[in-house]
Amino acid sequence: MNAFYEHHKDSIRWHYRCFDRILLNGLIQPFQQPERVVGFFNSYRQLYPVSRQVLRGIAENFQTWLKGWAGKRNIPVVEAPKGRRDEFVEPYFNRAKPEAVVVILKAREPARIMTAIGDGKSNRWHLAIAMGTHVRADLSLPSVLGARLS
């Protein structure tokens, strides 16, 4: 058994042999409401108001963490190409070990994002959800049980 199956076996209603690539796009449902985000930062991070600088700092910290995590494991972080990403990542799988990340693709993607709207001089801000772009990092994993999915 592999770790993915063990963790999710109660939720899987079909059989599979392997996963070649998985894209997870998750969100924390309460964080889709700006007032709950403000409450979270106030209660758990002692940050109020939630400004552009706060949100920018969180994004920069994540990027720094991801680059450090990948660097310690010799996992390349590369800009995603235009066109077929599966063909682009194929050479990275040549040195792949089971259940390991082999490459991280970075791409600017359209998405719903949380923005801080306000005035830095008076330090008055409110949050809003809008369409924008964010840097998405795709982690490519090799097959865990052998044959590739096509």
C-alpha atoms as a PDB file:
ATOM      1  CA  MET A   1       0.000   0.000   0.000  1.00  0.00           C
ATOM      2  CA  ASN A   2       1.133   3.547  -0.575  1.00  0.00           C
ATOM      3  CA  ALA A   3       0.680   6.549   1.680  1.00  0.00           C
ATOM      4  CA  PHE A   4      -1.911   8.227  -0.569  1.00  0.00           C
ATOM      5  CA  TYR A   5      -4.164   5.186  -0.561  1.00  0.00           C
ATOM      6  CA  GLU A   6      -3.771   4.604   3.181  1.00  0.00           C
ATOM      7  CA  HIS A   7      -4.748   8.193   3.952  1.00  0.00           C
ATOM      8  CA  HIS A   8      -7.718   8.360   1.559  1.00  0.00           C
ATOM      9  CA  LYS A   9      -8.932   4.760   1.360  1.00  0.00           C
ATOM     10  CA  ASP A  10     -12.249   5.534   3.064  1.00  0.00           C
ATOM     11  CA  SER A  11     -12.999   8.207   0.457  1.00  0.00           C
ATOM     12  CA  ILE A  12     -11.977   6.266  -2.672  1.00  0.00           C
ATOM     13  CA  ARG A  13     -14.802   4.377  -4.302  1.00  0.00           C
ATOM     14  CA  TRP A  14     -12.816   2.992  -7.217  1.00  0.00           C
ATOM     15  CA  HIS A  15      -9.584   1.081  -7.724  1.00  0.00           C
ATOM     16  CA  TYR A  16      -6.425   2.555  -9.119  1.00  0.00           C
ATOM     17  CA  ARG A  17      -2.898   1.428  -9.881  1.00  0.00           C
ATOM     18  CA  CYS A  18      -1.003   4.701  -9.646  1.00  0.00           C
ATOM     19  CA  PHE A  19      -1.164   8.467  -9.859  1.00  0.00           C
ATOM     20  CA  ASP A  20       1.290  10.169 -12.157  1.00  0.00           C
ATOM     21  CA  ARG A  21       0.420  13.765 -11.346  1.00  0.00           C
ATOM     22  CA  ILE A  22      -2.018  15.254  -8.906  1.00  0.00           C
ATOM     23  CA  LEU A  23      -3.208  18.844  -8.805  1.00  0.00           C
ATOM     24  CA  LEU A  24      -4.715  19.848  -5.499  1.00  0.00           C
ATOM     25  CA  ASN A  25      -6.578  23.123  -5.391  1.00  0.00           C
ATOM     26  CA  GLY A  26      -7.721  23.582  -1.846  1.00  0.00           C
ATOM     27  CA  LEU A  27      -9.115  26.425   0.150  1.00  0.00           C
ATOM     28  CA  ILE A  28     -10.218  27.109   3.681  1.00  0.00           C
ATOM     29  CA  GLN A  29     -13.928  27.811   3.349  1.00  0.00           C
ATOM     30  CA  PRO A  30     -14.226  30.376   6.183  1.00  0.00           C
ATOM     31  CA  PHE A  31     -11.390  32.358   4.570  1.00  0.00           C
ATOM     32  CA  GLN A  32     -13.702  33.068   1.641  1.00  0.00           C
ATOM     33  CA  GLN A  33     -15.419  35.653   3.867  1.00  0.00           C
ATOM     34  CA  PRO A  34     -13.309  38.800   4.415  1.00  0.00           C
ATOM     35  CA  GLU A  35     -14.705  39.478   7.904  1.00  0.00           C
ATOM     36  CA  ARG A  36     -13.623  36.003   9.072  1.00  0.00           C
ATOM     37  CA  VAL A  37     -10.116  36.585   7.705  1.00  0.00           C
ATOM     38  CA  VAL A  38      -9.897  39.835   9.683  1.00  0.00           C
ATOM     39  CA  GLY A  39     -11.106  37.973  12.787  1.00  0.00           C
ATOM     40  CA  PHE A  40      -8.518  35.230  12.282  1.00  0.00           C
ATOM     41  CA  PHE A  41      -5.621  37.674  11.991  1.00  0.00           C
ATOM     42  CA  ASN A  42      -6.852  39.677  14.970  1.00  0.00           C
ATOM     43  CA  SER A  43      -7.419  36.643  17.220  1.00  0.00           C
ATOM     44  CA  TYR A  44      -4.569  34.319  16.250  1.00  0.00           C
ATOM     45  CA  ARG A  45      -1.873  36.595  14.844  1.00  0.00           C
ATOM     46  CA  GLN A  46      -2.619  39.797  16.771  1.00  0.00           C
ATOM     47  CA  LEU A  47      -2.574  41.683  13.457  1.00  0.00           C
ATOM     48  CA  TYR A  48      -5.038  44.474  12.883  1.00  0.00           C
ATOM     49  CA  PRO A  49      -5.731  45.963  10.479  1.00  0.00           C
ATOM     50  CA  VAL A  50      -4.975  43.470   7.699  1.00  0.00           C
ATOM     51  CA  SER A  51      -3.199  45.640   5.159  1.00  0.00           C
ATOM     52  CA  ARG A  52      -1.644  45.076   1.746  1.00  0.00           C
ATOM     53  CA  GLN A  53       1.713  44.762   3.473  1.00  0.00           C
ATOM     54  CA  VAL A  54       0.410  41.958   5.732  1.00  0.00           C
ATOM     55  CA  LEU A  55      -0.997  39.982   2.795  1.00  0.00           C
ATOM     56  CA  ARG A  56       2.115  40.619   0.674  1.00  0.00           C
ATOM     57  CA  GLY A  57       4.328  39.473   3.555  1.00  0.00           C
ATOM     58  CA  ILE A  58       2.415  36.191   3.866  1.00  0.00           C
ATOM     59  CA  ALA A  59       2.798  35.512   0.132  1.00  0.00           C
ATOM     60  CA  GLU A  60       6.519  36.358   0.232  1.00  0.00           C
ATOM     61  CA  ASN A  61       7.047  34.138   3.288  1.00  0.00           C
ATOM     62  CA  PHE A  62       5.389  31.229   1.493  1.00  0.00           C
ATOM     63  CA  GLN A  63       7.555  31.734  -1.605  1.00  0.00           C
ATOM     64  CA  THR A  64      10.688  31.847   0.570  1.00  0.00           C
ATOM     65  CA  TRP A  65       9.632  28.698   2.452  1.00  0.00           C
ATOM     66  CA  LEU A  66       8.849  26.826  -0.781  1.00  0.00           C
ATOM     67  CA  LYS A  67      12.208  27.727  -2.357  1.00  0.00           C
ATOM     68  CA  GLY A  68      14.044  26.696   0.827  1.00  0.00           C
ATOM     69  CA  TRP A  69      12.119  23.428   1.129  1.00  0.00           C
ATOM     70  CA  ALA A  70      12.794  22.587  -2.513  1.00  0.00           C
ATOM     71  CA  GLY A  71      16.441  23.648  -2.285  1.00  0.00           C
ATOM     72  CA  LYS A  72      17.141  21.335   0.668  1.00  0.00           C
ATOM     73  CA  ARG A  73      15.786  18.439  -1.399  1.00  0.00           C
ATOM     74  CA  ASN A  74      17.413  19.428  -4.715  1.00  0.00           C
ATOM     75  CA  ILE A  75      13.999  19.872  -6.315  1.00  0.00           C
ATOM     76  CA  PRO A  76      14.097  22.390  -9.170  1.00  0.00           C
ATOM     77  CA  VAL A  77      11.624  25.291  -9.081  1.00  0.00           C
ATOM     78  CA  VAL A  78      11.071  26.429 -12.669  1.00  0.00           C
ATOM     79  CA  GLU A  79       8.768  28.726 -14.589  1.00  0.00           C
ATOM     80  CA  ALA A  80       5.947  26.803 -16.233  1.00  0.00           C
ATOM     81  CA  PRO A  81       6.135  26.751 -20.020  1.00  0.00           C
ATOM     82  CA  LYS A  82       3.411  27.783 -22.381  1.00  0.00           C
ATOM     83  CA  GLY A  83       1.732  24.738 -23.816  1.00  0.00           C
ATOM     84  CA  ARG A  84       1.750  21.167 -22.538  1.00  0.00           C
ATOM     85  CA  ARG A  85       3.179  20.957 -19.040  1.00  0.00           C
ATOM     86  CA  ASP A  86       3.116  17.177 -18.997  1.00  0.00           C
ATOM     87  CA  GLU A  87       5.585  17.054 -21.883  1.00  0.00           C
ATOM     88  CA  PHE A  88       7.782  19.672 -20.193  1.00  0.00           C
ATOM     89  CA  VAL A  89       8.060  17.743 -16.901  1.00  0.00           C
ATOM     90  CA  GLU A  90       8.635  14.326 -18.519  1.00  0.00           C
ATOM     91  CA  PRO A  91      12.479  14.539 -18.370  1.00  0.00           C
ATOM     92  CA  TYR A  92      12.342  15.215 -14.616  1.00  0.00           C
ATOM     93  CA  PHE A  93      10.738  11.811 -14.094  1.00  0.00           C
ATOM     94  CA  ASN A  94      13.858  10.020 -15.383  1.00  0.00           C
ATOM     95  CA  ARG A  95      15.555  10.423 -11.981  1.00  0.00           C
ATOM     96  CA  ALA A  96      12.362  10.054  -9.959  1.00  0.00           C
ATOM     97  CA  LYS A  97      11.984   7.969  -6.833  1.00  0.00           C
ATOM     98  CA  PRO A  98       8.544   6.713  -5.753  1.00  0.00           C
ATOM     99  CA  GLU A  99       6.442   9.177  -3.764  1.00  0.00           C
ATOM    100  CA  ALA A 100       8.838  12.089  -4.247  1.00  0.00           C
ATOM    101  CA  VAL A 101       8.396  15.547  -5.721  1.00  0.00           C
ATOM    102  CA  VAL A 102      10.573  15.848  -8.841  1.00  0.00           C
ATOM    103  CA  VAL A 103       9.883  19.413 -10.028  1.00  0.00           C
ATOM    104  CA  ILE A 104       7.863  22.448  -8.982  1.00  0.00           C
ATOM    105  CA  LEU A 105       6.336  24.566 -11.744  1.00  0.00           C
ATOM    106  CA  LYS A 106       5.546  28.210 -11.036  1.00  0.00           C
ATOM    107  CA  ALA A 107       2.911  29.969 -13.101  1.00  0.00           C
ATOM    108  CA  ARG A 108       0.770  33.069 -12.843  1.00  0.00           C
ATOM    109  CA  GLU A 109      -2.830  31.900 -12.942  1.00  0.00           C
ATOM    110  CA  PRO A 110      -6.193  33.662 -12.787  1.00  0.00           C
ATOM    111  CA  ALA A 111      -7.871  33.043  -9.444  1.00  0.00           C
ATOM    112  CA  ARG A 112     -10.070  34.497  -6.730  1.00  0.00           C
ATOM    113  CA  ILE A 113      -7.752  36.405  -4.427  1.00  0.00           C
ATOM    114  CA  MET A 114      -8.126  38.362  -1.191  1.00  0.00           C
ATOM    115  CA  THR A 115      -7.128  42.006  -1.550  1.00  0.00           C
ATOM    116  CA  ALA A 116      -6.713  44.740   1.017  1.00  0.00           C
ATOM    117  CA  ILE A 117      -8.281  48.043  -0.016  1.00  0.00           C
ATOM    118  CA  GLY A 118      -7.539  51.149   1.927  1.00  0.00           C
ATOM    119  CA  ASP A 119      -5.239  53.962   2.812  1.00  0.00           C
ATOM    120  CA  GLY A 120      -1.740  53.448   4.191  1.00  0.00           C
ATOM    121  CA  LYS A 121      -1.582  56.967   5.663  1.00  0.00           C
ATOM    122  CA  SER A 122      -4.645  56.553   7.892  1.00  0.00           C
ATOM    123  CA  ASN A 123      -4.052  52.780   8.202  1.00  0.00           C
ATOM    124  CA  ARG A 124      -7.711  51.996   7.456  1.00  0.00           C
ATOM    125  CA  TRP A 125      -8.282  48.853   5.416  1.00  0.00           C
ATOM    126  CA  HIS A 126     -11.007  46.452   4.401  1.00  0.00           C
ATOM    127  CA  LEU A 127     -10.695  43.138   2.617  1.00  0.00           C
ATOM    128  CA  ALA A 128     -12.442  42.091  -0.560  1.00  0.00           C
ATOM    129  CA  ILE A 129     -12.386  39.049  -2.806  1.00  0.00           C
ATOM    130  CA  ALA A 130     -11.667  39.802  -6.436  1.00  0.00           C
ATOM    131  CA  MET A 131     -10.422  38.098  -9.571  1.00  0.00           C
ATOM    132  CA  GLY A 132      -6.713  38.514 -10.040  1.00  0.00           C
ATOM    133  CA  THR A 133      -3.598  36.475 -10.614  1.00  0.00           C
ATOM    134  CA  HIS A 134      -1.495  34.546  -8.178  1.00  0.00           C
ATOM    135  CA  VAL A 135       1.663  32.492  -8.433  1.00  0.00           C
ATOM    136  CA  ARG A 136       0.671  28.849  -8.448  1.00  0.00           C
ATOM    137  CA  ALA A 137       3.191  26.140  -7.665  1.00  0.00           C
ATOM    138  CA  ASP A 138       2.487  22.690  -9.141  1.00  0.00           C
ATOM    139  CA  LEU A 139       4.379  19.804  -7.577  1.00  0.00           C
ATOM    140  CA  SER A 140       5.012  16.910  -9.960  1.00  0.00           C
ATOM    141  CA  LEU A 141       5.191  13.445  -8.434  1.00  0.00           C
ATOM    142  CA  PRO A 142       6.305  10.224 -10.094  1.00  0.00           C
ATOM    143  CA  SER A 143       4.130   7.141 -10.290  1.00  0.00           C
ATOM    144  CA  VAL A 144       3.942   5.377  -6.965  1.00  0.00           C
ATOM    145  CA  LEU A 145       3.227   1.859  -8.208  1.00  0.00           C
ATOM    146  CA  GLY A 146       4.942   1.610 -11.551  1.00  0.00           C
ATOM    147  CA  ALA A 147       3.265   2.386 -14.854  1.00  0.00           C
ATOM    148  CA  ARG A 148       2.557   5.939 -15.862  1.00  0.00           C
ATOM    149  CA  LEU A 149      -0.932   7.279 -16.421  1.00  0.00           C
ATOM    150  CA  SER A 150      -1.539   8.547 -19.929  1.00  0.00           C
END
